[in-house]
Amino acid sequence: MAFDSANHFVVNGAGIEGVIDITGLYGDAVVSLTVDGEALRAPSLESTRQGITIRGILQESLTT
């Protein structure tokens, strides 16, 4: 079931904030995370017997 609480995680701590839904409305995982205030782009989620792994891209800030 898409709204089963076991499929929904709120993350908040150590500079990481956001929401992870293992099964979204259309059956796909939904990941919305920020790391130190920067949004994680193109996140992917892998669920294994050992746990959940999330991978994504953080845009680097350019300074002059």
PDB file of N, CA and C in Angstrom:
ATOM      1  N   MET A   1       0.849  -1.185   0.000  1.00  0.00           N
ATOM      2  CA  MET A   1       0.000   0.000   0.000  1.00  0.00           C
ATOM      3  C   MET A   1       0.890   1.241   0.000  1.00  0.00           C
ATOM      4  N   ALA A   2       0.584   2.207  -0.844  1.00  0.00           N
ATOM      5  CA  ALA A   2       1.423   3.386  -1.016  1.00  0.00           C
ATOM      6  C   ALA A   2       1.535   4.231   0.240  1.00  0.00           C
ATOM      7  N   PHE A   3       0.536   4.237   1.094  1.00  0.00           N
ATOM      8  CA  PHE A   3       0.566   5.090   2.266  1.00  0.00           C
ATOM      9  C   PHE A   3       0.860   4.334   3.552  1.00  0.00           C
ATOM     10  N   ASP A   4       1.389   3.132   3.438  1.00  0.00           N
ATOM     11  CA  ASP A   4       1.795   2.350   4.606  1.00  0.00           C
ATOM     12  C   ASP A   4       2.962   3.058   5.271  1.00  0.00           C
ATOM     13  N   SER A   5       2.871   3.328   6.573  1.00  0.00           N
ATOM     14  CA  SER A   5       3.902   4.095   7.269  1.00  0.00           C
ATOM     15  C   SER A   5       5.261   3.420   7.225  1.00  0.00           C
ATOM     16  N   ALA A   6       5.325   2.125   7.029  1.00  0.00           N
ATOM     17  CA  ALA A   6       6.612   1.432   6.943  1.00  0.00           C
ATOM     18  C   ALA A   6       7.356   1.785   5.665  1.00  0.00           C
ATOM     19  N   ASN A   7       6.679   2.367   4.696  1.00  0.00           N
ATOM     20  CA  ASN A   7       7.302   2.740   3.430  1.00  0.00           C
ATOM     21  C   ASN A   7       7.719   4.207   3.383  1.00  0.00           C
ATOM     22  N   HIS A   8       7.494   4.964   4.461  1.00  0.00           N
ATOM     23  CA  HIS A   8       7.713   6.411   4.482  1.00  0.00           C
ATOM     24  C   HIS A   8       8.705   6.754   5.595  1.00  0.00           C
ATOM     25  N   PHE A   9       9.802   7.435   5.223  1.00  0.00           N
ATOM     26  CA  PHE A   9      10.825   7.794   6.203  1.00  0.00           C
ATOM     27  C   PHE A   9      11.106   9.288   6.134  1.00  0.00           C
ATOM     28  N   VAL A  10      11.162   9.945   7.289  1.00  0.00           N
ATOM     29  CA  VAL A  10      11.549  11.344   7.385  1.00  0.00           C
ATOM     30  C   VAL A  10      12.956  11.364   7.969  1.00  0.00           C
ATOM     31  N   VAL A  11      13.869  12.036   7.259  1.00  0.00           N
ATOM     32  CA  VAL A  11      15.272  12.084   7.661  1.00  0.00           C
ATOM     33  C   VAL A  11      15.593  13.508   8.106  1.00  0.00           C
ATOM     34  N   ASN A  12      16.219  13.639   9.282  1.00  0.00           N
ATOM     35  CA  ASN A  12      16.571  14.959   9.776  1.00  0.00           C
ATOM     36  C   ASN A  12      17.721  14.829  10.768  1.00  0.00           C
ATOM     37  N   GLY A  13      18.914  15.214  10.336  1.00  0.00           N
ATOM     38  CA  GLY A  13      20.058  15.171  11.225  1.00  0.00           C
ATOM     39  C   GLY A  13      21.365  15.108  10.459  1.00  0.00           C
ATOM     40  N   ALA A  14      22.448  15.576  11.080  1.00  0.00           N
ATOM     41  CA  ALA A  14      23.800  15.552  10.510  1.00  0.00           C
ATOM     42  C   ALA A  14      23.857  16.237   9.142  1.00  0.00           C
ATOM     43  N   GLY A  15      23.056  17.302   8.968  1.00  0.00           N
ATOM     44  CA  GLY A  15      23.077  18.047   7.712  1.00  0.00           C
ATOM     45  C   GLY A  15      22.222  17.463   6.608  1.00  0.00           C
ATOM     46  N   ILE A  16      21.534  16.352   6.884  1.00  0.00           N
ATOM     47  CA  ILE A  16      20.693  15.709   5.874  1.00  0.00           C
ATOM     48  C   ILE A  16      19.233  15.837   6.297  1.00  0.00           C
ATOM     49  N   GLU A  17      18.392  16.347   5.390  1.00  0.00           N
ATOM     50  CA  GLU A  17      16.968  16.505   5.669  1.00  0.00           C
ATOM     51  C   GLU A  17      16.173  16.063   4.451  1.00  0.00           C
ATOM     52  N   GLY A  18      14.998  15.492   4.701  1.00  0.00           N
ATOM     53  CA  GLY A  18      14.129  15.142   3.593  1.00  0.00           C
ATOM     54  C   GLY A  18      13.208  13.985   3.871  1.00  0.00           C
ATOM     55  N   VAL A  19      12.650  13.463   2.790  1.00  0.00           N
ATOM     56  CA  VAL A  19      11.655  12.398   2.861  1.00  0.00           C
ATOM     57  C   VAL A  19      12.012  11.311   1.855  1.00  0.00           C
ATOM     58  N   ILE A  20      11.832  10.067   2.280  1.00  0.00           N
ATOM     59  CA  ILE A  20      12.044   8.916   1.406  1.00  0.00           C
ATOM     60  C   ILE A  20      10.782   8.074   1.452  1.00  0.00           C
ATOM     61  N   ASP A  21      10.191   7.818   0.297  1.00  0.00           N
ATOM     62  CA  ASP A  21       9.048   6.917   0.179  1.00  0.00           C
ATOM     63  C   ASP A  21       9.493   5.727  -0.655  1.00  0.00           C
ATOM     64  N   ILE A  22       9.569   4.563  -0.040  1.00  0.00           N
ATOM     65  CA  ILE A  22      10.014   3.367  -0.741  1.00  0.00           C
ATOM     66  C   ILE A  22       9.077   3.032  -1.893  1.00  0.00           C
ATOM     67  N   THR A  23       7.796   3.213  -1.691  1.00  0.00           N
ATOM     68  CA  THR A  23       6.796   2.980  -2.732  1.00  0.00           C
ATOM     69  C   THR A  23       5.917   4.219  -2.833  1.00  0.00           C
ATOM     70  N   GLY A  24       6.097   5.011  -3.892  1.00  0.00           N
ATOM     71  CA  GLY A  24       5.293   6.208  -4.105  1.00  0.00           C
ATOM     72  C   GLY A  24       3.935   5.862  -4.684  1.00  0.00           C
ATOM     73  N   LEU A  25       3.195   6.872  -5.070  1.00  0.00           N
ATOM     74  CA  LEU A  25       1.844   6.680  -5.598  1.00  0.00           C
ATOM     75  C   LEU A  25       1.805   5.802  -6.837  1.00  0.00           C
ATOM     76  N   TYR A  26       2.860   5.866  -7.652  1.00  0.00           N
ATOM     77  CA  TYR A  26       2.873   5.102  -8.898  1.00  0.00           C
ATOM     78  C   TYR A  26       3.777   3.875  -8.823  1.00  0.00           C
ATOM     79  N   GLY A  27       4.165   3.488  -7.608  1.00  0.00           N
ATOM     80  CA  GLY A  27       4.962   2.284  -7.417  1.00  0.00           C
ATOM     81  C   GLY A  27       6.463   2.501  -7.395  1.00  0.00           C
ATOM     82  N   ASP A  28       6.926   3.668  -7.844  1.00  0.00           N
ATOM     83  CA  ASP A  28       8.352   3.966  -7.842  1.00  0.00           C
ATOM     84  C   ASP A  28       8.749   4.638  -6.535  1.00  0.00           C
ATOM     85  N   ALA A  29      10.014   4.504  -6.170  1.00  0.00           N
ATOM     86  CA  ALA A  29      10.526   5.180  -4.981  1.00  0.00           C
ATOM     87  C   ALA A  29      10.567   6.689  -5.232  1.00  0.00           C
ATOM     88  N   VAL A  30      10.315   7.465  -4.181  1.00  0.00           N
ATOM     89  CA  VAL A  30      10.368   8.920  -4.254  1.00  0.00           C
ATOM     90  C   VAL A  30      11.352   9.387  -3.186  1.00  0.00           C
ATOM     91  N   VAL A  31      12.370  10.128  -3.617  1.00  0.00           N
ATOM     92  CA  VAL A  31      13.400  10.616  -2.707  1.00  0.00           C
ATOM     93  C   VAL A  31      13.497  12.123  -2.863  1.00  0.00           C
ATOM     94  N   SER A  32      13.405  12.839  -1.757  1.00  0.00           N
ATOM     95  CA  SER A  32      13.586  14.284  -1.744  1.00  0.00           C
ATOM     96  C   SER A  32      14.477  14.612  -0.558  1.00  0.00           C
ATOM     97  N   LEU A  33      15.764  14.872  -0.827  1.00  0.00           N
ATOM     98  CA  LEU A  33      16.732  15.102   0.240  1.00  0.00           C
ATOM     99  C   LEU A  33      17.564  16.348  -0.026  1.00  0.00           C
ATOM    100  N   THR A  34      17.989  17.007   1.044  1.00  0.00           N
ATOM    101  CA  THR A  34      18.992  18.061   0.960  1.00  0.00           C
ATOM    102  C   THR A  34      20.151  17.671   1.864  1.00  0.00           C
ATOM    103  N   VAL A  35      21.353  18.055   1.431  1.00  0.00           N
ATOM    104  CA  VAL A  35      22.567  17.829   2.212  1.00  0.00           C
ATOM    105  C   VAL A  35      23.207  19.189   2.430  1.00  0.00           C
ATOM    106  N   ASP A  36      23.300  19.606   3.681  1.00  0.00           N
ATOM    107  CA  ASP A  36      23.811  20.932   4.032  1.00  0.00           C
ATOM    108  C   ASP A  36      23.106  22.021   3.243  1.00  0.00           C
ATOM    109  N   GLY A  37      21.785  21.880   3.068  1.00  0.00           N
ATOM    110  CA  GLY A  37      20.959  22.881   2.412  1.00  0.00           C
ATOM    111  C   GLY A  37      20.921  22.793   0.892  1.00  0.00           C
ATOM    112  N   GLU A  38      21.683  21.895   0.296  1.00  0.00           N
ATOM    113  CA  GLU A  38      21.696  21.747  -1.163  1.00  0.00           C
ATOM    114  C   GLU A  38      20.908  20.510  -1.567  1.00  0.00           C
ATOM    115  N   ALA A  39      20.019  20.666  -2.545  1.00  0.00           N
ATOM    116  CA  ALA A  39      19.153  19.566  -2.983  1.00  0.00           C
ATOM    117  C   ALA A  39      19.960  18.482  -3.684  1.00  0.00           C
ATOM    118  N   LEU A  40      19.632  17.250  -3.373  1.00  0.00           N
ATOM    119  CA  LEU A  40      20.218  16.093  -4.046  1.00  0.00           C
ATOM    120  C   LEU A  40      19.523  15.945  -5.392  1.00  0.00           C
ATOM    121  N   ARG A  41      20.302  16.010  -6.480  1.00  0.00           N
ATOM    122  CA  ARG A  41      19.722  15.920  -7.822  1.00  0.00           C
ATOM    123  C   ARG A  41      19.805  14.493  -8.332  1.00  0.00           C
ATOM    124  N   ALA A  42      18.848  14.099  -9.124  1.00  0.00           N
ATOM    125  CA  ALA A  42      18.787  12.775  -9.753  1.00  0.00           C
ATOM    126  C   ALA A  42      19.006  11.644  -8.744  1.00  0.00           C
ATOM    127  N   PRO A  43      18.248  11.651  -7.637  1.00  0.00           N
ATOM    128  CA  PRO A  43      18.462  10.595  -6.640  1.00  0.00           C
ATOM    129  C   PRO A  43      17.976   9.230  -7.132  1.00  0.00           C
ATOM    130  N   SER A  44      18.685   8.203  -6.703  1.00  0.00           N
ATOM    131  CA  SER A  44      18.248   6.842  -6.978  1.00  0.00           C
ATOM    132  C   SER A  44      18.264   6.071  -5.673  1.00  0.00           C
ATOM    133  N   LEU A  45      17.412   5.090  -5.566  1.00  0.00           N
ATOM    134  CA  LEU A  45      17.275   4.320  -4.340  1.00  0.00           C
ATOM    135  C   LEU A  45      17.426   2.844  -4.659  1.00  0.00           C
ATOM    136  N   GLU A  46      18.202   2.165  -3.836  1.00  0.00           N
ATOM    137  CA  GLU A  46      18.349   0.719  -3.951  1.00  0.00           C
ATOM    138  C   GLU A  46      18.055   0.111  -2.584  1.00  0.00           C
ATOM    139  N   SER A  47      17.142  -0.824  -2.554  1.00  0.00           N
ATOM    140  CA  SER A  47      16.781  -1.509  -1.317  1.00  0.00           C
ATOM    141  C   SER A  47      17.326  -2.933  -1.374  1.00  0.00           C
ATOM    142  N   THR A  48      18.182  -3.271  -0.396  1.00  0.00           N
ATOM    143  CA  THR A  48      18.779  -4.595  -0.342  1.00  0.00           C
ATOM    144  C   THR A  48      18.473  -5.233   1.009  1.00  0.00           C
ATOM    145  N   ARG A  49      18.928  -6.433   1.203  1.00  0.00           N
ATOM    146  CA  ARG A  49      18.729  -7.099   2.495  1.00  0.00           C
ATOM    147  C   ARG A  49      19.480  -6.376   3.615  1.00  0.00           C
ATOM    148  N   GLN A  50      20.560  -5.662   3.264  1.00  0.00           N
ATOM    149  CA  GLN A  50      21.351  -4.950   4.262  1.00  0.00           C
ATOM    150  C   GLN A  50      20.784  -3.572   4.603  1.00  0.00           C
ATOM    151  N   GLY A  51      19.916  -3.034   3.767  1.00  0.00           N
ATOM    152  CA  GLY A  51      19.341  -1.717   4.029  1.00  0.00           C
ATOM    153  C   GLY A  51      19.075  -0.950   2.752  1.00  0.00           C
ATOM    154  N   ILE A  52      18.989   0.364   2.879  1.00  0.00           N
ATOM    155  CA  ILE A  52      18.650   1.245   1.770  1.00  0.00           C
ATOM    156  C   ILE A  52      19.874   2.077   1.416  1.00  0.00           C
ATOM    157  N   THR A  53      20.184   2.174   0.117  1.00  0.00           N
ATOM    158  CA  THR A  53      21.264   3.026  -0.367  1.00  0.00           C
ATOM    159  C   THR A  53      20.664   4.061  -1.300  1.00  0.00           C
ATOM    160  N   ILE A  54      21.001   5.329  -1.049  1.00  0.00           N
ATOM    161  CA  ILE A  54      20.535   6.427  -1.900  1.00  0.00           C
ATOM    162  C   ILE A  54      21.761   7.086  -2.512  1.00  0.00           C
ATOM    163  N   ARG A  55      21.709   7.277  -3.817  1.00  0.00           N
ATOM    164  CA  ARG A  55      22.796   7.943  -4.536  1.00  0.00           C
ATOM    165  C   ARG A  55      22.216   9.131  -5.290  1.00  0.00           C
ATOM    166  N   GLY A  56      23.008  10.180  -5.409  1.00  0.00           N
ATOM    167  CA  GLY A  56      22.568  11.355  -6.142  1.00  0.00           C
ATOM    168  C   GLY A  56      23.728  12.290  -6.386  1.00  0.00           C
ATOM    169  N   ILE A  57      23.423  13.458  -6.927  1.00  0.00           N
ATOM    170  CA  ILE A  57      24.432  14.449  -7.298  1.00  0.00           C
ATOM    171  C   ILE A  57      24.185  15.721  -6.505  1.00  0.00           C
ATOM    172  N   LEU A  58      25.249  16.263  -5.952  1.00  0.00           N
ATOM    173  CA  LEU A  58      25.193  17.584  -5.328  1.00  0.00           C
ATOM    174  C   LEU A  58      25.913  18.550  -6.248  1.00  0.00           C
ATOM    175  N   GLN A  59      25.277  19.676  -6.539  1.00  0.00           N
ATOM    176  CA  GLN A  59      25.895  20.672  -7.395  1.00  0.00           C
ATOM    177  C   GLN A  59      26.974  21.392  -6.611  1.00  0.00           C
ATOM    178  N   GLU A  60      28.143  21.522  -7.204  1.00  0.00           N
ATOM    179  CA  GLU A  60      29.237  22.229  -6.543  1.00  0.00           C
ATOM    180  C   GLU A  60      29.042  23.723  -6.712  1.00  0.00           C
ATOM    181  N   SER A  61      29.305  24.463  -5.634  1.00  0.00           N
ATOM    182  CA  SER A  61      29.234  25.919  -5.703  1.00  0.00           C
ATOM    183  C   SER A  61      30.566  26.466  -6.200  1.00  0.00           C
ATOM    184  N   LEU A  62      30.502  27.367  -7.154  1.00  0.00           N
ATOM    185  CA  LEU A  62      31.703  27.996  -7.676  1.00  0.00           C
ATOM    186  C   LEU A  62      31.889  29.345  -7.000  1.00  0.00           C
ATOM    187  N   THR A  63      33.086  29.616  -6.523  1.00  0.00           N
ATOM    188  CA  THR A  63      33.369  30.897  -5.898  1.00  0.00           C
ATOM    189  C   THR A  63      34.454  31.610  -6.683  1.00  0.00           C
ATOM    190  N   THR A  64      34.409  32.924  -6.667  1.00  0.00           N
ATOM    191  CA  THR A  64      35.431  33.693  -7.378  1.00  0.00           C
ATOM    192  C   THR A  64      36.241  34.505  -6.421  1.00  0.00           C
TER     193      THR A  64
END
